[in-house]
Amino acid sequence: MEANRSLLKGLAWGMAFSFPLWIAVIGWLNLLGWIH
């Protein structure tokens, strides 16, 4: 049970860190789309 909880916490942290990264990537792609 403890390992499962730590795994869930790790997943939550991963999502929290990757979310801004995805926003940056999508925004960058949109910017490239506007330029071309």
PDB file of N, CA and C in Angstrom:
ATOM      1  N   MET A   1       0.836  -1.204   0.000  1.00  0.00           N
ATOM      2  CA  MET A   1       0.000   0.000   0.000  1.00  0.00           C
ATOM      3  C   MET A   1       0.877   1.262   0.000  1.00  0.00           C
ATOM      4  N   GLU A   2       1.947   1.211   0.786  1.00  0.00           N
ATOM      5  CA  GLU A   2       2.834   2.378   0.858  1.00  0.00           C
ATOM      6  C   GLU A   2       3.507   2.651  -0.490  1.00  0.00           C
ATOM      7  N   ALA A   3       3.946   1.576  -1.146  1.00  0.00           N
ATOM      8  CA  ALA A   3       4.618   1.740  -2.440  1.00  0.00           C
ATOM      9  C   ALA A   3       3.642   2.335  -3.453  1.00  0.00           C
ATOM     10  N   ASN A   4       2.393   1.885  -3.392  1.00  0.00           N
ATOM     11  CA  ASN A   4       1.372   2.381  -4.309  1.00  0.00           C
ATOM     12  C   ASN A   4       1.151   3.874  -4.086  1.00  0.00           C
ATOM     13  N   ARG A   5       1.154   4.279  -2.813  1.00  0.00           N
ATOM     14  CA  ARG A   5       0.933   5.693  -2.487  1.00  0.00           C
ATOM     15  C   ARG A   5       2.081   6.554  -3.003  1.00  0.00           C
ATOM     16  N   SER A   6       3.312   6.072  -2.831  1.00  0.00           N
ATOM     17  CA  SER A   6       4.475   6.837  -3.300  1.00  0.00           C
ATOM     18  C   SER A   6       4.470   6.908  -4.824  1.00  0.00           C
ATOM     19  N   LEU A   7       4.009   5.830  -5.461  1.00  0.00           N
ATOM     20  CA  LEU A   7       3.929   5.810  -6.922  1.00  0.00           C
ATOM     21  C   LEU A   7       2.921   6.844  -7.401  1.00  0.00           C
ATOM     22  N   LEU A   8       1.795   6.921  -6.701  1.00  0.00           N
ATOM     23  CA  LEU A   8       0.759   7.896  -7.047  1.00  0.00           C
ATOM     24  C   LEU A   8       1.287   9.310  -6.880  1.00  0.00           C
ATOM     25  N   LYS A   9       2.039   9.529  -5.781  1.00  0.00           N
ATOM     26  CA  LYS A   9       2.601  10.855  -5.525  1.00  0.00           C
ATOM     27  C   LYS A   9       3.604  11.227  -6.615  1.00  0.00           C
ATOM     28  N   GLY A  10       4.403  10.252  -7.020  1.00  0.00           N
ATOM     29  CA  GLY A  10       5.381  10.492  -8.082  1.00  0.00           C
ATOM     30  C   GLY A  10       4.688  10.842  -9.391  1.00  0.00           C
ATOM     31  N   LEU A  11       3.584  10.144  -9.671  1.00  0.00           N
ATOM     32  CA  LEU A  11       2.823  10.403 -10.891  1.00  0.00           C
ATOM     33  C   LEU A  11       2.236  11.811 -10.858  1.00  0.00           C
ATOM     34  N   ALA A  12       1.724  12.206  -9.690  1.00  0.00           N
ATOM     35  CA  ALA A  12       1.139  13.544  -9.538  1.00  0.00           C
ATOM     36  C   ALA A  12       2.209  14.616  -9.761  1.00  0.00           C
ATOM     37  N   TRP A  13       3.406  14.394  -9.207  1.00  0.00           N
ATOM     38  CA  TRP A  13       4.502  15.347  -9.389  1.00  0.00           C
ATOM     39  C   TRP A  13       4.911  15.421 -10.853  1.00  0.00           C
ATOM     40  N   GLY A  14       4.957  14.250 -11.503  1.00  0.00           N
ATOM     41  CA  GLY A  14       5.332  14.209 -12.919  1.00  0.00           C
ATOM     42  C   GLY A  14       4.352  15.006 -13.768  1.00  0.00           C
ATOM     43  N   MET A  15       3.057  14.839 -13.494  1.00  0.00           N
ATOM     44  CA  MET A  15       2.037  15.573 -14.246  1.00  0.00           C
ATOM     45  C   MET A  15       2.147  17.069 -13.978  1.00  0.00           C
ATOM     46  N   ALA A  16       2.379  17.427 -12.707  1.00  0.00           N
ATOM     47  CA  ALA A  16       2.476  18.838 -12.329  1.00  0.00           C
ATOM     48  C   ALA A  16       3.651  19.507 -13.045  1.00  0.00           C
ATOM     49  N   PHE A  17       4.752  18.764 -13.219  1.00  0.00           N
ATOM     50  CA  PHE A  17       5.930  19.335 -13.875  1.00  0.00           C
ATOM     51  C   PHE A  17       5.803  19.331 -15.392  1.00  0.00           C
ATOM     52  N   SER A  18       5.123  18.315 -15.944  1.00  0.00           N
ATOM     53  CA  SER A  18       5.024  18.210 -17.402  1.00  0.00           C
ATOM     54  C   SER A  18       3.945  19.123 -17.975  1.00  0.00           C
ATOM     55  N   PHE A  19       2.974  19.519 -17.137  1.00  0.00           N
ATOM     56  CA  PHE A  19       1.875  20.359 -17.623  1.00  0.00           C
ATOM     57  C   PHE A  19       2.364  21.676 -18.220  1.00  0.00           C
ATOM     58  N   PRO A  20       3.189  22.457 -17.491  1.00  0.00           N
ATOM     59  CA  PRO A  20       3.696  23.719 -18.063  1.00  0.00           C
ATOM     60  C   PRO A  20       4.546  23.462 -19.307  1.00  0.00           C
ATOM     61  N   LEU A  21       5.247  22.328 -19.321  1.00  0.00           N
ATOM     62  CA  LEU A  21       6.084  21.992 -20.471  1.00  0.00           C
ATOM     63  C   LEU A  21       5.218  21.785 -21.705  1.00  0.00           C
ATOM     64  N   TRP A  22       4.085  21.072 -21.534  1.00  0.00           N
ATOM     65  CA  TRP A  22       3.167  20.844 -22.658  1.00  0.00           C
ATOM     66  C   TRP A  22       2.596  22.162 -23.154  1.00  0.00           C
ATOM     67  N   ILE A  23       2.256  23.068 -22.221  1.00  0.00           N
ATOM     68  CA  ILE A  23       1.706  24.376 -22.603  1.00  0.00           C
ATOM     69  C   ILE A  23       2.741  25.149 -23.424  1.00  0.00           C
ATOM     70  N   ALA A  24       4.005  25.076 -22.987  1.00  0.00           N
ATOM     71  CA  ALA A  24       5.075  25.778 -23.694  1.00  0.00           C
ATOM     72  C   ALA A  24       5.259  25.201 -25.094  1.00  0.00           C
ATOM     73  N   VAL A  25       5.238  23.867 -25.204  1.00  0.00           N
ATOM     74  CA  VAL A  25       5.417  23.213 -26.511  1.00  0.00           C
ATOM     75  C   VAL A  25       4.275  23.567 -27.455  1.00  0.00           C
ATOM     76  N   ILE A  26       3.036  23.485 -26.952  1.00  0.00           N
ATOM     77  CA  ILE A  26       1.869  23.802 -27.783  1.00  0.00           C
ATOM     78  C   ILE A  26       1.899  25.272 -28.206  1.00  0.00           C
ATOM     79  N   GLY A  27       2.247  26.155 -27.277  1.00  0.00           N
ATOM     80  CA  GLY A  27       2.330  27.580 -27.589  1.00  0.00           C
ATOM     81  C   GLY A  27       3.407  27.849 -28.630  1.00  0.00           C
ATOM     82  N   TRP A  28       4.533  27.120 -28.516  1.00  0.00           N
ATOM     83  CA  TRP A  28       5.631  27.287 -29.467  1.00  0.00           C
ATOM     84  C   TRP A  28       5.211  26.825 -30.853  1.00  0.00           C
ATOM     85  N   LEU A  29       4.492  25.690 -30.914  1.00  0.00           N
ATOM     86  CA  LEU A  29       4.009  25.175 -32.206  1.00  0.00           C
ATOM     87  C   LEU A  29       3.016  26.148 -32.824  1.00  0.00           C
ATOM     88  N   ASN A  30       2.145  26.733 -32.001  1.00  0.00           N
ATOM     89  CA  ASN A  30       1.176  27.711 -32.502  1.00  0.00           C
ATOM     90  C   ASN A  30       1.910  28.933 -33.043  1.00  0.00           C
ATOM     91  N   LEU A  31       2.972  29.351 -32.343  1.00  0.00           N
ATOM     92  CA  LEU A  31       3.760  30.502 -32.773  1.00  0.00           C
ATOM     93  C   LEU A  31       4.393  30.217 -34.135  1.00  0.00           C
ATOM     94  N   LEU A  32       4.937  29.007 -34.298  1.00  0.00           N
ATOM     95  CA  LEU A  32       5.533  28.632 -35.584  1.00  0.00           C
ATOM     96  C   LEU A  32       4.467  28.621 -36.665  1.00  0.00           C
ATOM     97  N   GLY A  33       3.276  28.167 -36.314  1.00  0.00           N
ATOM     98  CA  GLY A  33       2.177  28.130 -37.276  1.00  0.00           C
ATOM     99  C   GLY A  33       1.807  29.536 -37.729  1.00  0.00           C
ATOM    100  N   TRP A  34       1.843  30.480 -36.780  1.00  0.00           N
ATOM    101  CA  TRP A  34       1.493  31.858 -37.129  1.00  0.00           C
ATOM    102  C   TRP A  34       2.567  32.495 -38.004  1.00  0.00           C
ATOM    103  N   ILE A  35       3.830  32.156 -37.739  1.00  0.00           N
ATOM    104  CA  ILE A  35       4.937  32.739 -38.499  1.00  0.00           C
ATOM    105  C   ILE A  35       4.905  32.268 -39.945  1.00  0.00           C
ATOM    106  N   HIS A  36       4.642  30.970 -40.159  1.00  0.00           N
ATOM    107  CA  HIS A  36       4.673  30.421 -41.527  1.00  0.00           C
ATOM    108  C   HIS A  36       3.384  30.693 -42.255  1.00  0.00           C
TER     109      HIS A  36
END
